[in-house]
């Protein structure tokens, strides 16, 4: 049974809030990094490895989580994931040492792995094709909105209660989301829409053949999406993981003032995601079959690359504004590559493909976070990483545009 448009968008909004919850929990440690580093005697390179521990677990678990969500359905998968990761997030308050915190970050990365595959599956199953690009733009705002909320929230809690209590209080956000998800998805027709593909098979139909990771990786639509994720994730990594430390240690701002700046890049990232999604959906409806929106991708690549200008900007607000422009470009790239990939692959592969792109992002984080930390320890400057990470997005967008892919079928609102 097809959901009404209003109900379908309500599912997409609540799935987006789930992404926000996941980013609140994962971003707390970055927002209060200087306090955690002082409390556990951690240097910048160790913090890089700490960030990589989360990403490594996410890298390994995300494709497996995607396959699992394809089997159990988005509703149950997302519900179970948030329960588990909220508990793990609260347990960060008990970390006795750097090693203990590393273990908790690994557990959190594994627990959060189903978040994007389940949210992407919810959008894919609930909304008609003509709305999906815009919905994926909305979905990705969940991550940047979560980051925008996490930093001021965590910094304020840290200044008042200390870093350990901050982890406990921040974890309550996930528990507040659970009743909303249960209410919005409680109707039988909504639960059926979010169930696994074979939960209600047609009579006399044969089961679908299993989908392998290898065959999915060899799909050109997935391959070029993975390449663009690898290119765009580097700049976004700096904004999500290192920006609070950059403002406090690199630009000398007091911790209390950092919260007044860190919200801008995530908000601009949201604007880039929503704007790219709306433009892509508009083009999808006007000129079916779906096009790859090469011009939009190239413009977004240029925007993300503006990060390289930041070291030459002396005033803090203009520098943060440029970082926001970069975030808008990176967010647009994520929306466009995901909408393009989801339009071209088998619907039964949606969560698994989403897991693979999430794993590609984590791979960048695993490799580059220690590199940034070591660079900062040795040079006492963030300028080199800003230039290095900002140079990757535009070449990646150009490469994405050159990889040939098959056209999907014309948009059919009934699909």
Protein backbone atom coordinates (compact mmCIF):
# COMPACT_ATOMS: atom_id res chain seq x y z
CA UNK A 1 0.00 0.00 0.00
CA UNK A 2 1.38 3.40 -1.04
CA UNK A 3 1.72 5.93 1.77
CA UNK A 4 0.08 9.32 1.50
CA UNK A 5 2.56 12.02 0.61
CA UNK A 6 2.17 13.68 4.00
CA UNK A 7 2.76 10.44 5.89
CA UNK A 8 5.72 9.56 3.69
CA UNK A 9 7.39 12.91 4.34
CA UNK A 10 6.71 12.54 8.06
CA UNK A 11 8.60 9.24 8.02
CA UNK A 12 11.47 10.97 6.18
CA UNK A 13 11.57 13.80 8.75
CA UNK A 14 11.70 11.43 11.72
CA UNK A 15 14.37 9.32 9.99
CA UNK A 16 16.33 12.55 9.51
CA UNK A 17 16.05 13.24 13.24
CA UNK A 18 17.52 9.79 13.85
CA UNK A 19 20.57 10.87 11.88
CA UNK A 20 20.72 13.99 14.04
CA UNK A 21 20.68 11.87 17.19
CA UNK A 22 23.54 9.74 15.87
CA UNK A 23 25.65 12.82 15.16
CA UNK A 24 24.94 14.35 18.54
CA UNK A 25 26.28 11.22 20.23
CA UNK A 26 29.31 10.83 18.00
CA UNK A 27 30.21 14.56 17.95
CA UNK A 28 30.26 15.15 21.71
CA UNK A 29 33.83 13.94 22.02
CA UNK A 30 34.97 16.34 19.28
CA UNK A 31 33.07 19.29 20.71
CA UNK A 32 34.67 18.92 24.16
CA UNK A 33 37.95 17.48 22.88
CA UNK A 34 40.21 19.84 24.81
CA UNK A 35 38.54 18.90 28.11
CA UNK A 36 38.70 15.17 27.34
CA UNK A 37 42.32 15.48 26.27
CA UNK A 38 43.26 17.25 29.48
CA UNK A 39 41.28 14.82 31.63
CA UNK A 40 42.88 11.72 30.13
CA UNK A 41 46.26 13.23 29.10
CA UNK A 42 45.71 12.72 25.35
CA UNK A 43 47.75 14.55 22.70
CA UNK A 44 46.49 15.54 19.23
CA UNK A 45 47.84 12.43 17.50
CA UNK A 46 46.17 10.18 20.07
CA UNK A 47 42.94 12.09 19.55
CA UNK A 48 43.30 11.34 15.84
CA UNK A 49 43.53 7.65 16.63
CA UNK A 50 40.54 8.02 18.93
CA UNK A 51 38.50 9.46 16.07
CA UNK A 52 39.76 6.69 13.81
CA UNK A 53 38.64 4.03 16.30
CA UNK A 54 35.01 5.08 15.82
CA UNK A 55 35.44 5.28 12.05
CA UNK A 56 37.19 1.92 11.81
CA UNK A 57 34.33 0.20 13.62
CA UNK A 58 31.85 2.03 11.41
CA UNK A 59 33.86 1.03 8.32
CA UNK A 60 33.69 -2.66 9.18
CA UNK A 61 30.13 -2.67 10.50
CA UNK A 62 28.33 -0.38 8.03
CA UNK A 63 28.10 -2.80 5.05
CA UNK A 64 27.12 -5.64 7.40
CA UNK A 65 24.58 -3.39 9.10
CA UNK A 66 23.15 -2.46 5.70
CA UNK A 67 22.68 -6.11 4.80
CA UNK A 68 21.07 -6.74 8.20
CA UNK A 69 18.66 -3.81 7.81
CA UNK A 70 17.69 -5.11 4.37
CA UNK A 71 16.68 -8.34 6.15
CA UNK A 72 14.91 -7.01 9.26
CA UNK A 73 13.48 -3.78 7.86
CA UNK A 74 14.11 -0.12 8.61
CA UNK A 75 11.66 0.27 11.49
CA UNK A 76 13.12 -2.41 13.74
CA UNK A 77 16.70 -1.81 12.62
CA UNK A 78 16.67 1.88 13.51
CA UNK A 79 14.86 1.30 16.79
CA UNK A 80 17.34 -1.30 18.02
CA UNK A 81 20.36 0.71 16.91
CA UNK A 82 19.41 3.86 18.82
CA UNK A 83 18.74 1.92 22.02
CA UNK A 84 22.18 0.33 21.89
CA UNK A 85 24.22 3.36 20.87
CA UNK A 86 22.57 5.62 23.46
CA UNK A 87 23.69 3.21 26.18
CA UNK A 88 27.23 3.07 24.79
CA UNK A 89 27.36 6.86 24.50
CA UNK A 90 26.41 7.28 28.16
CA UNK A 91 29.09 4.74 29.13
CA UNK A 92 31.76 7.17 27.84
CA UNK A 93 31.41 8.92 31.20
CA UNK A 94 33.10 5.91 32.83
CA UNK A 95 36.19 5.87 30.59
CA UNK A 96 39.20 5.39 32.90
CA UNK A 97 41.92 6.05 30.33
CA UNK A 98 42.74 6.62 26.68
CA UNK A 99 42.58 2.88 26.04
CA UNK A 100 39.18 2.61 27.69
CA UNK A 101 37.85 5.49 25.62
CA UNK A 102 39.16 3.85 22.44
CA UNK A 103 37.19 0.69 23.26
CA UNK A 104 34.03 2.72 23.83
CA UNK A 105 34.50 4.58 20.54
CA UNK A 106 34.80 1.25 18.73
CA UNK A 107 31.58 0.03 20.34
CA UNK A 108 29.81 3.29 19.47
CA UNK A 109 30.94 3.08 15.84
CA UNK A 110 29.58 -0.45 15.53
CA UNK A 111 26.31 0.47 17.25
CA UNK A 112 25.71 3.49 15.00
CA UNK A 113 26.49 1.62 11.78
CA UNK A 114 22.81 0.84 10.99
CA UNK A 115 21.78 4.51 11.27
CA UNK A 116 22.35 5.67 7.70
CA UNK A 117 21.39 2.41 5.94
CA UNK A 118 18.11 2.26 7.89
CA UNK A 119 17.33 5.95 7.39
CA UNK A 120 18.13 5.72 3.66
CA UNK A 121 15.93 2.64 3.34
CA UNK A 122 13.10 4.50 5.08
CA UNK A 123 13.30 7.32 2.53
CA UNK A 124 13.57 4.92 -0.40
CA UNK A 125 10.56 2.86 0.69
CA UNK A 126 8.29 5.65 1.92
CA UNK A 127 8.59 8.29 -0.83
CA UNK A 128 7.83 8.20 -4.56
CA UNK A 129 10.79 8.58 -6.97
CA UNK A 130 10.05 12.21 -7.80
CA UNK A 131 10.49 13.21 -4.15
CA UNK A 132 13.52 11.13 -3.26
CA UNK A 133 16.32 13.50 -4.26
CA UNK A 134 14.79 16.22 -2.09
CA UNK A 135 14.25 13.69 0.69
CA UNK A 136 17.86 12.56 0.57
CA UNK A 137 18.86 16.21 0.81
CA UNK A 138 16.72 16.45 3.92
CA UNK A 139 18.14 13.19 5.29
CA UNK A 140 21.72 14.44 5.10
CA UNK A 141 20.78 17.58 6.99
CA UNK A 142 20.34 15.26 9.95
CA UNK A 143 24.08 14.82 10.26
CA UNK A 144 24.97 18.50 10.02
CA UNK A 145 22.01 19.55 12.19
CA UNK A 146 23.18 17.05 14.79
CA UNK A 147 26.69 18.47 14.59
CA UNK A 148 25.36 22.03 14.88
CA UNK A 149 23.39 21.10 17.99
CA UNK A 150 26.05 18.87 19.51
CA UNK A 151 28.83 21.44 19.72
CA UNK A 152 27.01 24.26 21.60
CA UNK A 153 25.11 21.72 23.71
CA UNK A 154 28.20 19.75 24.69
CA UNK A 155 30.35 22.83 25.32
CA UNK A 156 27.67 24.36 27.53
CA UNK A 157 27.22 21.13 29.51
CA UNK A 158 30.99 20.69 29.80
CA UNK A 159 31.48 24.19 31.21
CA UNK A 160 28.72 23.62 33.77
CA UNK A 161 28.95 19.94 34.72
CA UNK A 162 32.27 18.60 33.40
CA UNK A 163 33.02 16.33 30.48
CA UNK A 164 31.96 13.04 32.06
CA UNK A 165 28.45 14.20 32.92
CA UNK A 166 28.18 15.73 29.45
CA UNK A 167 28.28 12.28 27.85
CA UNK A 168 25.43 11.04 30.04
CA UNK A 169 23.18 14.02 29.46
CA UNK A 170 23.80 14.10 25.70
CA UNK A 171 22.88 10.41 25.38
CA UNK A 172 19.34 11.20 26.56
CA UNK A 173 18.59 12.80 23.19
CA UNK A 174 18.29 9.36 21.61
CA UNK A 175 15.79 8.18 24.21
CA UNK A 176 13.65 11.25 23.49
CA UNK A 177 13.52 10.25 19.79
CA UNK A 178 12.22 6.72 20.37
CA UNK A 179 8.55 7.53 21.16
CA UNK A 180 8.32 9.75 18.07
CA UNK A 181 9.51 6.92 15.78
CA UNK A 182 7.13 4.43 17.36
CA UNK A 183 4.13 6.74 16.95
CA UNK A 184 4.89 7.76 13.35
CA UNK A 185 5.48 4.16 12.19
CA UNK A 186 2.84 2.35 14.25
CA UNK A 187 0.16 2.15 11.52
CA UNK A 188 0.13 -1.26 9.79
CA UNK A 189 0.54 0.19 6.29
CA UNK A 190 3.58 2.23 7.40
CA UNK A 191 5.13 -0.81 9.06
CA UNK A 192 4.52 -2.80 5.90
CA UNK A 193 6.18 -0.13 3.77
CA UNK A 194 9.29 -0.16 5.99
CA UNK A 195 9.48 -3.95 6.26
CA UNK A 196 12.07 -6.03 4.47
CA UNK A 197 11.33 -6.63 0.76
CA UNK A 198 10.27 -10.26 1.19
CA UNK A 199 8.16 -9.72 4.33
CA UNK A 200 4.96 -9.80 2.24
CA UNK A 201 5.88 -11.60 -1.01
CA UNK A 202 3.30 -11.98 -3.77
CA UNK A 203 1.63 -15.35 -3.98
CA UNK A 204 3.57 -18.04 -5.87
CA UNK A 205 6.59 -15.75 -6.24
CA UNK A 206 10.07 -17.20 -5.96
CA UNK A 207 12.53 -15.70 -3.45
CA UNK A 208 14.91 -13.06 -4.75
CA UNK A 209 18.47 -14.25 -5.34
CA UNK A 210 21.01 -13.19 -2.70
CA UNK A 211 22.96 -10.02 -3.35
CA UNK A 212 26.73 -10.14 -2.86
CA UNK A 213 29.00 -7.30 -1.84
CA UNK A 214 31.24 -8.02 -4.82
CA UNK A 215 28.44 -7.65 -7.36
CA UNK A 216 27.32 -4.45 -5.71
CA UNK A 217 30.84 -3.02 -5.68
CA UNK A 218 31.15 -3.75 -9.41
CA UNK A 219 28.00 -1.80 -10.20
CA UNK A 220 29.20 1.41 -11.92
CA UNK A 221 26.59 3.52 -10.13
CA UNK A 222 27.87 2.34 -6.76
CA UNK A 223 31.52 2.53 -7.76
CA UNK A 224 31.41 6.15 -8.81
CA UNK A 225 29.40 7.06 -5.70
CA UNK A 226 32.11 5.47 -3.55
CA UNK A 227 34.83 7.41 -5.37
CA UNK A 228 33.03 10.71 -4.79
CA UNK A 229 32.50 9.88 -1.12
CA UNK A 230 36.24 9.27 -0.75
CA UNK A 231 36.93 12.67 -2.33
CA UNK A 232 34.35 14.70 -0.42
CA UNK A 233 34.68 13.09 3.02
CA UNK A 234 38.14 14.55 3.70
CA UNK A 235 37.01 18.17 3.98
CA UNK A 236 33.87 17.30 5.93
CA UNK A 237 35.98 15.26 8.34
CA UNK A 238 37.87 18.38 9.38
CA UNK A 239 34.64 20.30 9.95
CA UNK A 240 33.02 17.57 12.03
CA UNK A 241 36.04 16.30 13.98
CA UNK A 242 38.62 19.08 14.28
CA UNK A 243 36.84 22.43 14.00
CA UNK A 244 36.26 23.07 17.75
CA UNK A 245 39.95 22.40 18.43
CA UNK A 246 40.94 24.52 15.43
CA UNK A 247 39.02 27.49 16.78
CA UNK A 248 40.27 27.07 20.36
CA UNK A 249 43.88 26.03 19.73
CA UNK A 250 44.51 27.25 16.18
CA UNK A 251 42.79 30.64 16.44
CA UNK A 252 43.07 31.15 20.19
CA UNK A 253 39.38 31.53 21.01
CA UNK A 254 38.24 30.89 24.60
CA UNK A 255 36.15 27.72 24.90
CA UNK A 256 33.05 29.73 25.85
CA UNK A 257 33.29 31.65 22.54
CA UNK A 258 33.80 28.58 20.36
CA UNK A 259 30.11 27.67 20.62
CA UNK A 260 29.24 30.96 18.93
CA UNK A 261 31.07 29.91 15.76
CA UNK A 262 30.85 26.14 15.36
CA UNK A 263 27.17 26.11 14.43
CA UNK A 264 27.61 28.02 11.14
CA UNK A 265 29.33 25.39 8.91
CA UNK A 266 26.81 22.65 9.81
CA UNK A 267 23.89 24.99 9.11
CA UNK A 268 25.39 25.98 5.76
CA UNK A 269 25.97 22.30 5.09
CA UNK A 270 22.24 21.80 5.64
CA UNK A 271 21.47 24.52 3.12
CA UNK A 272 23.74 22.84 0.58
CA UNK A 273 22.08 19.48 1.12
CA UNK A 274 18.52 20.78 0.92
CA UNK A 275 19.26 23.06 -2.02
CA UNK A 276 20.97 20.31 -4.01
CA UNK A 277 18.16 17.88 -3.24
CA UNK A 278 15.44 20.32 -4.30
CA UNK A 279 17.24 21.20 -7.53
CA UNK A 280 17.84 17.53 -8.34
CA UNK A 281 14.19 16.62 -7.69
CA UNK A 282 13.07 19.56 -9.83
CA UNK A 283 15.22 18.34 -12.72
CA UNK A 284 14.07 14.76 -12.18
CA UNK A 285 10.45 15.78 -12.68
CA UNK A 286 11.08 18.05 -15.68
CA UNK A 287 13.38 15.83 -17.71
CA UNK A 288 12.86 12.13 -17.02
CA UNK A 289 14.59 9.75 -17.17
CA UNK A 290 16.81 10.77 -14.26
CA UNK A 291 19.99 12.65 -15.21
CA UNK A 292 23.26 12.67 -13.33
CA UNK A 293 23.22 16.44 -12.68
CA UNK A 294 26.87 16.79 -13.60
CA UNK A 295 26.82 20.59 -13.40
CA UNK A 296 25.46 20.51 -9.85
CA UNK A 297 28.16 18.06 -8.79
CA UNK A 298 30.95 20.15 -10.29
CA UNK A 299 29.68 23.35 -8.65
CA UNK A 300 29.48 21.54 -5.31
CA UNK A 301 33.06 20.30 -5.78
CA UNK A 302 34.28 23.86 -6.30
CA UNK A 303 32.45 25.03 -3.18
CA UNK A 304 33.94 22.35 -0.95
CA UNK A 305 37.42 23.18 -2.25
CA UNK A 306 37.18 26.76 -0.93
CA UNK A 307 38.54 25.36 2.35
CA UNK A 308 42.04 25.86 0.97
CA UNK A 309 41.59 29.65 1.33
CA UNK A 310 41.05 29.62 5.11
CA UNK A 311 44.72 29.79 6.22
CA UNK A 312 45.05 33.17 4.49
CA UNK A 313 42.02 34.72 6.20
CA UNK A 314 42.93 36.53 9.41
CA UNK A 315 39.52 37.34 10.91
CA UNK A 316 37.61 34.50 12.53
CA UNK A 317 34.11 35.16 11.19
CA UNK A 318 35.16 35.33 7.50
CA UNK A 319 37.23 32.16 7.98
CA UNK A 320 34.28 30.35 9.53
CA UNK A 321 32.03 31.59 6.71
CA UNK A 322 34.41 30.07 4.14
CA UNK A 323 34.37 26.81 6.10
CA UNK A 324 30.58 27.03 5.92
CA UNK A 325 30.74 27.45 2.15
CA UNK A 326 32.93 24.37 2.02
CA UNK A 327 30.42 22.47 4.17
CA UNK A 328 27.62 23.49 1.80
CA UNK A 329 29.56 22.04 -1.12
CA UNK A 330 30.37 18.84 0.71
CA UNK A 331 26.78 18.41 1.83
CA UNK A 332 25.52 18.94 -1.71
CA UNK A 333 27.93 16.29 -2.99
CA UNK A 334 26.64 13.73 -0.50
CA UNK A 335 23.03 14.44 -1.47
CA UNK A 336 23.67 14.28 -5.20
CA UNK A 337 25.82 11.16 -5.19
CA UNK A 338 23.33 9.32 -2.97
CA UNK A 339 20.24 10.32 -4.95
CA UNK A 340 21.98 9.37 -8.19
CA UNK A 341 23.10 5.98 -6.85
CA UNK A 342 19.73 5.13 -5.29
CA UNK A 343 17.95 5.93 -8.58
CA UNK A 344 20.12 3.43 -10.48
CA UNK A 345 20.31 0.36 -8.26
CA UNK A 346 17.94 -2.47 -7.38
CA UNK A 347 15.60 -1.38 -4.52
CA UNK A 348 16.57 -4.56 -2.65
CA UNK A 349 20.15 -3.25 -2.47
CA UNK A 350 19.40 0.16 -0.99
CA UNK A 351 20.57 -0.41 2.58
CA UNK A 352 23.60 -2.42 1.54
CA UNK A 353 24.66 0.31 -0.89
CA UNK A 354 24.12 2.93 1.79
CA UNK A 355 26.29 0.87 4.10
CA UNK A 356 29.06 0.80 1.52
CA UNK A 357 29.07 4.59 1.05
CA UNK A 358 29.06 5.04 4.83
CA UNK A 359 32.02 2.64 5.02
CA UNK A 360 33.89 4.65 2.37
CA UNK A 361 33.45 7.80 4.44
CA UNK A 362 34.72 5.97 7.50
CA UNK A 363 37.77 4.76 5.58
CA UNK A 364 38.77 8.38 4.95
CA UNK A 365 38.29 9.19 8.63
CA UNK A 366 40.34 6.16 9.72
CA UNK A 367 43.29 7.13 7.54
CA UNK A 368 43.23 10.92 7.79
CA UNK A 369 42.41 11.63 11.45
CA UNK A 370 45.78 10.37 12.76
CA UNK A 371 47.53 12.18 9.92
CA UNK A 372 45.90 15.46 10.92
CA UNK A 373 46.67 14.85 14.59
CA UNK A 374 50.34 14.11 13.92
CA UNK A 375 50.61 17.16 11.66
CA UNK A 376 49.14 19.41 14.37
CA UNK A 377 51.42 17.94 17.07
CA UNK A 378 54.52 18.53 14.98
CA UNK A 379 53.73 21.92 13.44
CA UNK A 380 51.33 23.37 16.05
CA UNK A 381 49.24 24.57 13.11
CA UNK A 382 46.06 23.49 11.33
CA UNK A 383 46.90 25.30 8.08
CA UNK A 384 48.52 22.33 6.34
CA UNK A 385 45.56 19.99 6.92
CA UNK A 386 43.11 22.66 5.74
CA UNK A 387 44.92 22.99 2.41
CA UNK A 388 45.55 19.26 2.01
CA UNK A 389 41.98 18.19 2.74
CA UNK A 390 40.42 20.96 0.68
CA UNK A 391 42.24 19.99 -2.52
CA UNK A 392 40.50 16.63 -3.02
CA UNK A 393 36.82 17.38 -3.67
CA UNK A 394 37.00 18.99 -7.12
CA UNK A 395 39.17 16.27 -8.72
CA UNK A 396 36.78 13.72 -7.25
CA UNK A 397 33.78 15.50 -8.77
CA UNK A 398 35.50 15.56 -12.17
CA UNK A 399 36.27 11.83 -11.92
CA UNK A 400 32.65 11.08 -10.92
CA UNK A 401 31.42 12.91 -14.01
CA UNK A 402 33.56 10.82 -16.37
CA UNK A 403 32.40 7.35 -15.23
CA UNK A 404 29.65 6.06 -17.56
CA UNK A 405 26.54 4.57 -15.96
CA UNK A 406 23.27 3.16 -17.28
CA UNK A 407 20.19 5.35 -17.21
CA UNK A 408 17.42 4.31 -14.86
CA UNK A 409 13.85 3.97 -16.01
CA UNK A 410 11.69 7.07 -16.30
CA UNK A 411 10.21 8.28 -13.05
CA UNK A 412 6.94 6.56 -12.21
CA UNK A 413 5.18 7.99 -9.18
CA UNK A 414 3.64 4.60 -8.48
CA UNK A 415 7.04 2.93 -7.90
